[in-house]
Amino acid sequence: MFGRSIKEVDASEFARWVNEADHEMRVIDVRQMEEIVAGTVPRAEALPLHTLPVKVHDLSKEEKLVMVCRSGARSAQACMFLQQQGFSNVYNLRGGMMGWMQSGFPAYRLA
């Protein structure tokens, strides 16, 4: 579908990762700020997709990164971009916020 294979995590598995205290990961919401303020997933930090190329150096290739958007399309683009930059431990939240909410999980406010 996207050419390169993108690792995905579904809402239930992601929720397990969030609840595991020793599960190290960084969660990046690539939507626009006006979308993010309406609610996001736990542990998310805002990094709108258009800013990713200039902020990529703020991310570590050693970290597990989970990318989130509304439906999974923009976060898949973010995953592809990061893979092109040499990141390998990158996951797309399958279905994005829509999948998260449809799975019965609540939206969170940014910390």
Protein backbone atom coordinates (compact mmCIF):
# COMPACT_ATOMS: atom_id res chain seq x y z
CA MET A 1 0.00 0.00 0.00
CA PHE A 2 2.72 2.48 0.96
CA GLY A 3 5.59 0.83 -0.93
CA ARG A 4 7.88 0.39 2.04
CA SER A 5 6.56 -1.75 4.84
CA ILE A 6 5.37 0.31 7.77
CA LYS A 7 5.07 -1.32 11.17
CA GLU A 8 1.64 -0.77 12.68
CA VAL A 9 0.22 -1.13 16.14
CA ASP A 10 -3.51 -1.40 16.75
CA ALA A 11 -5.36 0.48 19.48
CA SER A 12 -5.50 -2.45 21.92
CA GLU A 13 -1.79 -3.23 21.62
CA PHE A 14 -0.92 0.46 21.92
CA ALA A 15 -3.07 0.72 25.06
CA ARG A 16 -1.08 -2.22 26.50
CA TRP A 17 2.18 -0.44 25.68
CA VAL A 18 0.93 2.72 27.44
CA ASN A 19 0.00 0.74 30.55
CA GLU A 20 3.34 -1.06 30.79
CA ALA A 21 5.41 1.17 33.04
CA ASP A 22 8.67 -0.14 31.63
CA HIS A 23 7.58 0.26 28.00
CA GLU A 24 9.80 3.01 26.64
CA MET A 25 8.33 4.89 23.72
CA ARG A 26 7.68 8.36 22.41
CA VAL A 27 4.23 9.11 20.99
CA ILE A 28 4.05 11.78 18.29
CA ASP A 29 0.75 13.28 17.09
CA VAL A 30 1.36 14.68 13.60
CA ARG A 31 -1.99 16.45 13.22
CA GLN A 32 -2.46 20.22 13.24
CA MET A 33 -2.68 21.83 16.70
CA GLU A 34 -6.36 22.67 16.26
CA GLU A 35 -7.04 18.95 15.78
CA ILE A 36 -4.85 17.86 18.66
CA VAL A 37 -6.45 20.15 21.23
CA ALA A 38 -9.76 18.30 20.70
CA GLY A 39 -8.08 15.19 22.12
CA THR A 40 -5.28 12.74 21.47
CA VAL A 41 -3.87 9.45 22.76
CA PRO A 42 -2.02 9.01 26.07
CA ARG A 43 1.60 10.21 26.23
CA ALA A 44 1.24 12.11 22.94
CA GLU A 45 3.27 15.16 22.10
CA ALA A 46 2.43 17.48 19.23
CA LEU A 47 4.68 17.54 16.20
CA PRO A 48 2.58 18.54 13.16
CA LEU A 49 3.58 16.66 10.00
CA HIS A 50 4.74 19.78 8.15
CA THR A 51 7.27 20.50 10.93
CA LEU A 52 8.73 16.99 10.99
CA PRO A 53 11.56 17.64 8.48
CA VAL A 54 12.95 20.50 10.59
CA LYS A 55 12.34 18.72 13.93
CA VAL A 56 13.62 15.27 12.93
CA HIS A 57 16.91 15.96 14.73
CA ASP A 58 14.94 16.24 18.02
CA LEU A 59 14.04 12.55 17.69
CA SER A 60 16.33 9.66 18.59
CA LYS A 61 16.82 6.66 16.34
CA GLU A 62 17.20 4.62 19.54
CA GLU A 63 13.65 5.37 20.74
CA LYS A 64 10.50 3.50 19.81
CA LEU A 65 8.33 6.09 18.07
CA VAL A 66 4.56 5.74 17.65
CA MET A 67 3.05 8.13 15.12
CA VAL A 68 -0.60 9.21 15.38
CA CYS A 69 -3.01 11.22 13.21
CA ARG A 70 -6.75 11.26 12.52
CA SER A 71 -7.06 8.18 10.29
CA GLY A 72 -3.53 6.75 10.00
CA ALA A 73 -2.65 8.32 6.62
CA ARG A 74 -0.54 11.30 7.76
CA SER A 75 1.14 9.22 10.44
CA ALA A 76 1.99 6.63 7.76
CA GLN A 77 3.63 9.45 5.76
CA ALA A 78 5.56 10.42 8.89
CA CYS A 79 6.68 6.80 9.33
CA MET A 80 7.86 6.62 5.71
CA PHE A 81 9.76 9.90 6.07
CA LEU A 82 11.44 8.72 9.28
CA GLN A 83 12.38 5.39 7.67
CA GLN A 84 14.02 7.33 4.85
CA GLN A 85 16.00 9.21 7.50
CA GLY A 86 17.29 5.95 8.97
CA PHE A 87 14.76 5.36 11.76
CA SER A 88 13.72 1.72 12.09
CA ASN A 89 11.79 1.56 15.38
CA VAL A 90 8.76 3.51 14.10
CA TYR A 91 5.12 2.42 14.37
CA ASN A 92 1.93 3.81 12.87
CA LEU A 93 -1.18 3.72 15.10
CA ARG A 94 -3.53 1.79 12.79
CA GLY A 95 -6.68 3.80 12.14
CA GLY A 96 -5.31 6.82 13.98
CA MET A 97 -7.56 8.65 16.43
CA MET A 98 -10.63 7.26 14.65
CA GLY A 99 -9.44 3.70 15.30
CA TRP A 100 -8.52 4.57 18.88
CA MET A 101 -11.96 6.02 19.63
CA GLN A 102 -13.82 3.25 17.75
CA SER A 103 -12.00 0.75 19.94
CA GLY A 104 -13.61 2.39 22.97
CA PHE A 105 -10.61 4.32 24.27
CA PRO A 106 -10.99 7.94 25.43
CA ALA A 107 -9.33 11.01 23.97
CA TYR A 108 -6.81 12.73 26.22
CA ARG A 109 -5.78 16.36 26.49
CA LEU A 110 -2.18 17.25 25.83
CA ALA A 111 -0.16 17.42 29.02
